[in-house]
Protein backbone atom coordinates (compact mmCIF):
# COMPACT_ATOMS: atom_id res chain seq x y z
CA MET A 1 -0.06 0.03 0.00
CA PRO A 2 1.28 3.52 -0.70
CA GLY A 3 0.81 4.70 2.88
CA ASP A 4 3.02 1.90 4.19
CA ARG A 5 6.16 2.94 2.23
CA LEU A 6 9.01 4.64 3.99
CA ASN A 7 9.85 8.12 2.81
CA PHE A 8 13.61 8.58 2.68
CA ALA A 9 14.18 12.30 2.27
CA PRO A 10 17.79 13.44 2.72
CA GLY A 11 16.84 16.01 5.40
CA ASP A 12 14.90 13.45 7.37
CA VAL A 13 18.02 11.09 7.40
CA LYS A 14 20.27 13.83 8.61
CA ASN A 15 17.87 14.90 11.38
CA GLY A 16 17.16 11.35 12.42
CA LEU A 17 20.83 10.57 12.74
CA GLY A 18 21.37 13.89 14.45
CA LYS A 19 18.65 13.03 16.94
CA LEU A 20 20.01 9.57 17.59
CA VAL A 21 23.50 10.94 18.20
CA LEU A 22 22.27 13.77 20.38
CA ILE A 23 20.17 11.31 22.55
CA LEU A 24 23.30 9.16 23.06
CA ILE A 25 25.41 12.20 23.92
CA LYS A 26 22.76 13.49 26.25
CA LEU A 27 22.58 10.09 27.97
CA LEU A 28 26.35 10.06 28.40
CA HIS A 29 26.27 13.63 29.66
CA GLU A 30 23.67 12.83 32.32
CA LEU A 31 25.68 9.77 33.39
CA LEU A 32 28.80 11.91 33.64
CA GLU A 33 26.95 14.47 35.77
CA LYS A 34 25.76 11.84 38.13
CA GLN A 35 29.18 10.32 38.49
CA ALA A 36 30.70 13.85 38.99
CA LEU A 37 28.19 14.58 41.71
CA ARG A 38 28.99 11.37 43.53
CA ARG A 39 32.74 12.17 43.43
CA VAL A 40 32.15 15.72 44.63
CA GLU A 41 29.94 14.50 47.46
CA SER A 42 32.50 11.88 48.47
CA GLY A 43 35.11 14.54 48.87
CA SER A 44 37.62 12.69 46.65
CA LEU A 45 38.25 15.75 44.41
CA THR A 46 40.28 18.92 45.05
CA GLU A 47 38.53 22.38 44.73
CA ASP A 48 40.46 22.79 41.47
CA GLN A 49 39.19 19.49 40.13
CA VAL A 50 35.62 20.33 41.12
CA GLU A 51 35.87 23.67 39.29
CA ARG A 52 37.31 22.16 36.16
CA LEU A 53 34.71 19.38 36.24
CA GLY A 54 31.86 21.91 36.65
CA PHE A 55 33.19 24.09 33.79
CA THR A 56 33.57 21.09 31.52
CA LEU A 57 30.12 19.78 32.16
CA MET A 58 28.65 23.23 31.62
CA ARG A 59 30.44 23.49 28.30
CA GLN A 60 29.23 20.11 27.27
CA ALA A 61 25.68 21.17 28.06
CA GLN A 62 26.05 24.23 26.01
CA GLU A 63 27.39 22.33 23.03
CA ILE A 64 24.55 19.84 23.32
CA GLU A 65 22.11 22.72 23.24
CA ARG A 66 23.77 24.31 20.28
CA LEU A 67 23.61 21.02 18.26
CA ARG A 68 20.00 20.54 19.37
CA GLU A 69 19.13 23.84 17.92
CA GLU A 70 21.17 23.28 14.82
CA PHE A 71 19.20 20.14 14.08
CA GLY A 72 15.88 21.94 14.83
CA LEU A 73 15.03 19.61 17.70
CA GLN A 74 13.09 20.50 20.77
CA GLU A 75 14.35 19.52 24.28
CA GLU A 76 11.56 16.97 24.58
CA ASP A 77 12.73 15.29 21.36
CA LEU A 78 15.74 14.07 23.29
CA ASN A 79 13.88 12.91 26.38
CA VAL A 80 13.42 9.38 25.44
CA ASP A 81 11.75 6.76 27.54
CA LEU A 82 14.43 4.30 28.74
CA GLY A 83 11.82 1.66 29.86
CA PRO A 84 12.30 0.55 33.48
CA LEU A 85 14.81 3.39 33.98
CA GLY A 86 12.25 6.05 33.14
CA LYS A 87 12.78 9.12 31.01
CA LEU A 88 16.29 10.31 30.16
CA PHE A 89 15.89 13.63 32.17
């Protein structure tokens, strides 16, 4: 049936891959933030390390946001359901 066919438009492929990559990057970023918070709370980092870590995570978040806007995606487009783990963020 004509309605059952996939429509492979070049723009859709680019945005689909961009969305997938950004979801994976966002997932890794969230995991890094949680790990960083655990290390900060445990007191295993120096003040300088905490500051560099915070700055790095902030820059990552800014770059993720820039890429999200470049691909024309909304924040909720990246908030996938991870099943038993719940939503990404």
